[in-house]
N, C-alpha and C. Protein backbone atom coordinates (compact mmCIF):
# COMPACT_ATOMS: atom_id res chain seq x y z
N MET A 1 -12.98 -113.01 19.14
CA MET A 1 -14.33 -112.50 19.16
C MET A 1 -14.33 -111.14 18.48
N THR A 2 -15.33 -110.90 17.70
CA THR A 2 -15.41 -109.62 17.00
C THR A 2 -16.48 -108.74 17.61
N ASP A 3 -16.30 -107.44 17.46
CA ASP A 3 -17.27 -106.47 17.95
C ASP A 3 -18.35 -106.31 16.89
N LEU A 4 -19.55 -106.83 17.16
CA LEU A 4 -20.61 -106.82 16.17
C LEU A 4 -21.36 -105.48 16.13
N VAL A 5 -21.59 -104.89 17.27
CA VAL A 5 -22.31 -103.61 17.35
C VAL A 5 -21.73 -102.78 18.49
N ALA A 6 -22.02 -101.49 18.45
CA ALA A 6 -21.61 -100.61 19.54
C ALA A 6 -22.51 -100.88 20.74
N LEU A 7 -21.94 -100.80 21.93
CA LEU A 7 -22.68 -101.05 23.16
C LEU A 7 -23.63 -99.90 23.45
N HIS A 8 -24.92 -100.21 23.67
CA HIS A 8 -25.92 -99.20 24.01
C HIS A 8 -26.62 -99.51 25.32
N HIS A 9 -26.82 -100.80 25.60
CA HIS A 9 -27.57 -101.20 26.78
C HIS A 9 -27.04 -102.55 27.26
N PHE A 10 -26.71 -102.66 28.56
CA PHE A 10 -26.16 -103.90 29.09
C PHE A 10 -26.55 -104.04 30.56
N LEU A 11 -27.25 -105.11 30.92
CA LEU A 11 -27.65 -105.41 32.29
C LEU A 11 -28.36 -104.23 32.97
N GLY A 12 -29.25 -103.58 32.28
CA GLY A 12 -30.00 -102.47 32.85
C GLY A 12 -29.28 -101.14 32.81
N ILE A 13 -28.07 -101.14 32.30
CA ILE A 13 -27.28 -99.90 32.22
C ILE A 13 -27.26 -99.44 30.77
N SER A 14 -27.70 -98.21 30.54
CA SER A 14 -27.60 -97.67 29.19
C SER A 14 -26.24 -96.95 29.07
N VAL A 15 -25.64 -97.07 27.93
CA VAL A 15 -24.29 -96.53 27.71
C VAL A 15 -24.35 -95.48 26.61
N THR A 16 -23.81 -94.31 26.92
CA THR A 16 -23.74 -93.22 25.95
C THR A 16 -22.30 -93.08 25.50
N HIS A 17 -22.10 -92.96 24.20
CA HIS A 17 -20.77 -92.81 23.63
C HIS A 17 -20.49 -91.33 23.36
N SER A 18 -19.26 -90.91 23.62
CA SER A 18 -18.83 -89.56 23.26
C SER A 18 -17.34 -89.61 22.93
N ASP A 19 -16.77 -88.48 22.56
CA ASP A 19 -15.34 -88.43 22.25
C ASP A 19 -14.49 -88.68 23.49
N ASP A 20 -15.06 -88.41 24.68
CA ASP A 20 -14.33 -88.60 25.94
C ASP A 20 -14.41 -90.02 26.47
N GLY A 21 -15.26 -90.86 25.90
CA GLY A 21 -15.36 -92.24 26.35
C GLY A 21 -16.80 -92.70 26.47
N LEU A 22 -17.00 -93.72 27.29
CA LEU A 22 -18.32 -94.29 27.53
C LEU A 22 -18.85 -93.79 28.87
N PHE A 23 -20.14 -93.49 28.92
CA PHE A 23 -20.76 -93.01 30.15
C PHE A 23 -21.96 -93.88 30.49
N PRO A 24 -21.88 -94.64 31.62
CA PRO A 24 -22.99 -95.49 32.02
C PRO A 24 -24.09 -94.69 32.72
N SER A 25 -25.33 -95.11 32.54
CA SER A 25 -26.46 -94.46 33.19
C SER A 25 -27.53 -95.49 33.49
N LYS A 26 -28.14 -95.38 34.65
CA LYS A 26 -29.23 -96.28 35.02
C LYS A 26 -30.54 -95.52 35.14
N LEU A 27 -30.72 -94.49 34.33
CA LEU A 27 -31.94 -93.69 34.39
C LEU A 27 -33.17 -94.55 34.09
N GLN A 28 -33.15 -95.32 33.02
CA GLN A 28 -34.30 -96.14 32.68
C GLN A 28 -34.53 -97.22 33.72
N TYR A 29 -33.47 -97.78 34.26
CA TYR A 29 -33.58 -98.79 35.32
C TYR A 29 -34.26 -98.19 36.55
N THR A 30 -33.87 -96.96 36.90
CA THR A 30 -34.46 -96.26 38.03
C THR A 30 -35.94 -95.97 37.78
N ILE A 31 -36.25 -95.52 36.59
CA ILE A 31 -37.65 -95.25 36.24
C ILE A 31 -38.48 -96.54 36.33
N ASP A 32 -37.92 -97.66 35.89
CA ASP A 32 -38.62 -98.94 35.96
C ASP A 32 -38.90 -99.34 37.41
N ILE A 33 -37.95 -99.11 38.31
CA ILE A 33 -38.16 -99.42 39.73
C ILE A 33 -39.29 -98.56 40.29
N LEU A 34 -39.26 -97.27 39.98
CA LEU A 34 -40.30 -96.37 40.48
C LEU A 34 -41.68 -96.75 39.95
N GLN A 35 -41.76 -97.13 38.69
CA GLN A 35 -43.05 -97.54 38.12
C GLN A 35 -43.53 -98.85 38.72
N ARG A 36 -42.63 -99.78 38.94
CA ARG A 36 -42.99 -101.08 39.50
C ARG A 36 -43.53 -100.95 40.92
N THR A 37 -43.02 -99.99 41.67
CA THR A 37 -43.46 -99.80 43.05
C THR A 37 -44.59 -98.78 43.18
N GLY A 38 -45.01 -98.19 42.06
CA GLY A 38 -46.09 -97.22 42.09
C GLY A 38 -45.68 -95.86 42.64
N MET A 39 -44.40 -95.54 42.56
CA MET A 39 -43.90 -94.29 43.12
C MET A 39 -43.33 -93.36 42.05
N ALA A 40 -43.71 -93.56 40.80
CA ALA A 40 -43.17 -92.75 39.71
C ALA A 40 -43.64 -91.30 39.78
N GLU A 41 -44.79 -91.05 40.37
CA GLU A 41 -45.34 -89.69 40.43
C GLU A 41 -44.96 -88.96 41.72
N CYS A 42 -44.17 -89.58 42.59
CA CYS A 42 -43.79 -88.94 43.85
C CYS A 42 -42.70 -87.89 43.63
N HIS A 43 -42.59 -86.97 44.56
CA HIS A 43 -41.59 -85.90 44.48
C HIS A 43 -40.31 -86.33 45.19
N SER A 44 -39.19 -85.83 44.72
CA SER A 44 -37.90 -86.21 45.29
C SER A 44 -37.56 -85.32 46.49
N THR A 45 -36.62 -85.80 47.29
CA THR A 45 -36.10 -85.05 48.43
C THR A 45 -34.61 -84.84 48.23
N ALA A 46 -34.06 -83.88 48.95
CA ALA A 46 -32.64 -83.57 48.80
C ALA A 46 -31.77 -84.64 49.43
N MET A 47 -32.18 -85.21 50.56
CA MET A 47 -31.40 -86.23 51.25
C MET A 47 -32.29 -87.44 51.50
N PRO A 48 -31.87 -88.63 51.05
CA PRO A 48 -32.75 -89.79 51.15
C PRO A 48 -33.10 -90.21 52.58
N GLU A 49 -32.23 -90.01 53.56
CA GLU A 49 -32.53 -90.50 54.90
C GLU A 49 -31.67 -89.76 55.92
N ASP A 50 -32.22 -89.59 57.09
CA ASP A 50 -31.49 -88.99 58.20
C ASP A 50 -30.49 -90.02 58.71
N SER A 51 -29.21 -89.70 58.66
CA SER A 51 -28.18 -90.66 59.07
C SER A 51 -28.11 -90.84 60.57
N LYS A 52 -28.77 -89.98 61.36
CA LYS A 52 -28.75 -90.10 62.82
C LYS A 52 -29.86 -91.00 63.34
N SER A 53 -30.92 -91.20 62.57
CA SER A 53 -32.00 -92.06 63.06
C SER A 53 -31.59 -93.52 62.94
N LYS A 54 -32.08 -94.31 63.87
CA LYS A 54 -31.74 -95.74 63.90
C LYS A 54 -33.01 -96.57 63.78
N LEU A 55 -32.96 -97.57 62.96
CA LEU A 55 -34.08 -98.50 62.83
C LEU A 55 -33.93 -99.60 63.86
N SER A 56 -35.05 -100.11 64.31
CA SER A 56 -35.04 -101.20 65.27
C SER A 56 -35.39 -102.50 64.56
N ALA A 57 -34.79 -103.57 64.99
CA ALA A 57 -35.05 -104.88 64.38
C ALA A 57 -36.38 -105.45 64.85
N THR A 58 -36.95 -104.91 65.94
CA THR A 58 -38.17 -105.50 66.50
C THR A 58 -39.34 -104.52 66.53
N TYR A 59 -39.14 -103.27 66.16
CA TYR A 59 -40.22 -102.28 66.23
C TYR A 59 -41.14 -102.36 65.02
N GLY A 60 -42.45 -102.34 65.26
CA GLY A 60 -43.43 -102.33 64.18
C GLY A 60 -43.91 -103.71 63.81
N PRO A 61 -45.04 -103.76 63.11
CA PRO A 61 -45.58 -105.05 62.68
C PRO A 61 -44.77 -105.65 61.53
N PRO A 62 -44.77 -106.97 61.41
CA PRO A 62 -44.04 -107.60 60.30
C PRO A 62 -44.64 -107.22 58.94
N VAL A 63 -43.81 -107.22 57.92
CA VAL A 63 -44.25 -106.93 56.56
C VAL A 63 -45.06 -108.13 56.05
N ALA A 64 -46.21 -107.85 55.42
CA ALA A 64 -47.09 -108.92 54.94
C ALA A 64 -46.45 -109.72 53.80
N ASP A 65 -45.78 -109.04 52.85
CA ASP A 65 -45.19 -109.72 51.70
C ASP A 65 -43.69 -109.39 51.63
N PRO A 66 -42.85 -110.18 52.29
CA PRO A 66 -41.42 -109.88 52.29
C PRO A 66 -40.75 -110.01 50.93
N SER A 67 -41.34 -110.78 50.01
CA SER A 67 -40.71 -110.95 48.70
C SER A 67 -40.69 -109.64 47.92
N GLU A 68 -41.72 -108.81 48.05
CA GLU A 68 -41.74 -107.51 47.38
C GLU A 68 -40.64 -106.61 47.94
N TYR A 69 -40.50 -106.59 49.27
CA TYR A 69 -39.46 -105.80 49.92
C TYR A 69 -38.08 -106.23 49.43
N MET A 70 -37.84 -107.53 49.43
CA MET A 70 -36.53 -108.05 49.02
C MET A 70 -36.24 -107.73 47.56
N SER A 71 -37.23 -107.81 46.71
CA SER A 71 -37.05 -107.51 45.30
C SER A 71 -36.65 -106.04 45.10
N VAL A 72 -37.33 -105.14 45.79
CA VAL A 72 -37.01 -103.71 45.66
C VAL A 72 -35.65 -103.42 46.29
N ALA A 73 -35.35 -104.04 47.43
CA ALA A 73 -34.05 -103.84 48.08
C ALA A 73 -32.92 -104.31 47.17
N ASP A 74 -33.10 -105.45 46.50
CA ASP A 74 -32.09 -105.95 45.56
C ASP A 74 -31.91 -104.99 44.38
N ALA A 75 -33.02 -104.47 43.88
CA ALA A 75 -32.95 -103.52 42.76
C ALA A 75 -32.21 -102.25 43.18
N LEU A 76 -32.48 -101.76 44.40
CA LEU A 76 -31.77 -100.58 44.89
C LEU A 76 -30.29 -100.87 45.11
N HIS A 77 -30.00 -102.08 45.57
CA HIS A 77 -28.59 -102.44 45.76
C HIS A 77 -27.84 -102.42 44.43
N TYR A 78 -28.45 -102.92 43.37
CA TYR A 78 -27.85 -102.89 42.04
C TYR A 78 -27.69 -101.46 41.55
N LEU A 79 -28.61 -100.60 41.94
CA LEU A 79 -28.57 -99.20 41.52
C LEU A 79 -27.38 -98.46 42.12
N THR A 80 -26.87 -98.92 43.25
CA THR A 80 -25.74 -98.24 43.90
C THR A 80 -24.44 -98.34 43.09
N LEU A 81 -24.40 -99.20 42.08
CA LEU A 81 -23.20 -99.27 41.23
C LEU A 81 -22.95 -97.95 40.52
N THR A 82 -24.01 -97.26 40.13
CA THR A 82 -23.85 -95.97 39.47
C THR A 82 -24.28 -94.81 40.36
N HIS A 83 -24.82 -95.10 41.53
CA HIS A 83 -25.23 -94.06 42.48
C HIS A 83 -24.67 -94.38 43.87
N PRO A 84 -23.37 -94.20 44.09
CA PRO A 84 -22.79 -94.55 45.39
C PRO A 84 -23.32 -93.69 46.54
N ASP A 85 -23.97 -92.57 46.23
CA ASP A 85 -24.53 -91.74 47.29
C ASP A 85 -25.70 -92.43 48.00
N LEU A 86 -26.26 -93.46 47.41
CA LEU A 86 -27.35 -94.21 48.02
C LEU A 86 -26.86 -95.40 48.85
N GLU A 87 -25.57 -95.65 48.85
CA GLU A 87 -25.03 -96.85 49.47
C GLU A 87 -25.39 -96.98 50.94
N TYR A 88 -25.29 -95.90 51.72
CA TYR A 88 -25.56 -95.99 53.16
C TYR A 88 -27.00 -96.38 53.43
N VAL A 89 -27.95 -95.69 52.81
CA VAL A 89 -29.36 -95.98 53.10
C VAL A 89 -29.77 -97.35 52.58
N VAL A 90 -29.23 -97.77 51.46
CA VAL A 90 -29.55 -99.10 50.94
C VAL A 90 -28.96 -100.17 51.86
N GLN A 91 -27.79 -99.91 52.39
CA GLN A 91 -27.18 -100.84 53.35
C GLN A 91 -28.05 -100.95 54.59
N GLN A 92 -28.63 -99.84 55.05
CA GLN A 92 -29.53 -99.87 56.21
C GLN A 92 -30.77 -100.73 55.91
N VAL A 93 -31.28 -100.62 54.70
CA VAL A 93 -32.43 -101.42 54.29
C VAL A 93 -32.09 -102.91 54.30
N CYS A 94 -30.91 -103.26 53.82
CA CYS A 94 -30.53 -104.66 53.70
C CYS A 94 -30.19 -105.31 55.05
N LEU A 95 -29.93 -104.51 56.08
CA LEU A 95 -29.61 -105.06 57.40
C LEU A 95 -30.76 -105.86 58.01
N PHE A 96 -31.98 -105.53 57.64
CA PHE A 96 -33.14 -106.12 58.31
C PHE A 96 -33.91 -107.10 57.43
N MET A 97 -33.29 -107.65 56.42
CA MET A 97 -33.99 -108.57 55.52
C MET A 97 -34.40 -109.87 56.20
N HIS A 98 -33.76 -110.24 57.28
CA HIS A 98 -34.10 -111.49 57.97
C HIS A 98 -35.41 -111.40 58.74
N ASP A 99 -35.81 -110.19 59.17
CA ASP A 99 -37.05 -110.00 59.93
C ASP A 99 -37.63 -108.64 59.57
N LEU A 100 -38.34 -108.58 58.48
CA LEU A 100 -38.82 -107.30 57.93
C LEU A 100 -40.01 -106.75 58.70
N ARG A 101 -39.95 -105.44 58.97
CA ARG A 101 -41.02 -104.74 59.68
C ARG A 101 -41.50 -103.57 58.83
N GLU A 102 -42.68 -103.05 59.14
CA GLU A 102 -43.26 -101.94 58.38
C GLU A 102 -42.35 -100.70 58.34
N PRO A 103 -41.67 -100.30 59.45
CA PRO A 103 -40.77 -99.14 59.35
C PRO A 103 -39.64 -99.34 58.34
N HIS A 104 -39.21 -100.58 58.15
CA HIS A 104 -38.17 -100.86 57.16
C HIS A 104 -38.70 -100.60 55.76
N PHE A 105 -39.96 -101.02 55.52
CA PHE A 105 -40.57 -100.80 54.22
C PHE A 105 -40.80 -99.31 53.99
N ALA A 106 -41.10 -98.57 55.05
CA ALA A 106 -41.26 -97.11 54.94
C ALA A 106 -39.94 -96.47 54.52
N LEU A 107 -38.82 -97.00 54.98
CA LEU A 107 -37.51 -96.48 54.57
C LEU A 107 -37.29 -96.69 53.07
N ILE A 108 -37.68 -97.84 52.56
CA ILE A 108 -37.55 -98.09 51.11
C ILE A 108 -38.37 -97.07 50.34
N LYS A 109 -39.59 -96.82 50.78
CA LYS A 109 -40.43 -95.83 50.10
C LYS A 109 -39.80 -94.45 50.17
N HIS A 110 -39.15 -94.13 51.29
CA HIS A 110 -38.49 -92.84 51.42
C HIS A 110 -37.31 -92.73 50.45
N ILE A 111 -36.57 -93.81 50.28
CA ILE A 111 -35.45 -93.82 49.34
C ILE A 111 -35.96 -93.62 47.91
N LEU A 112 -37.03 -94.32 47.57
CA LEU A 112 -37.59 -94.20 46.22
C LEU A 112 -38.11 -92.81 45.99
C-alpha cells in the first residue's frame, strides 16, 4: 500500500504535522458536539463535575428522548480518547443509560 496523501483528518480527529511528530486534536469534533446540542455559546467551567456528588438511579423524572442522551454520551465517550480528564464524568453519565433521568441529562449539559 502506498501513502497517497499526508494525514490531516481521520475519524473526527484532525492531525497537525510538525518536526516533532503528529499531534491529534478533536477541537472541531468538540465544536460540532456543542453546536449539535445548542451549547456552543455557553461559558466553560474550571472543573466539569463535583466528584463527591452522587447521582441516583431513581431520582427525577425519566428523560423524554433517551436517544438524544445516548448520542451525546457516545460522542463524549469518543472525545475522552484525546481528553482523558473527562473520563470520570463521562463514565458517570454512561452508568445510567439503562434508565435515564433528568438529573443525568443535566450532568451532560454541565460537562458540555
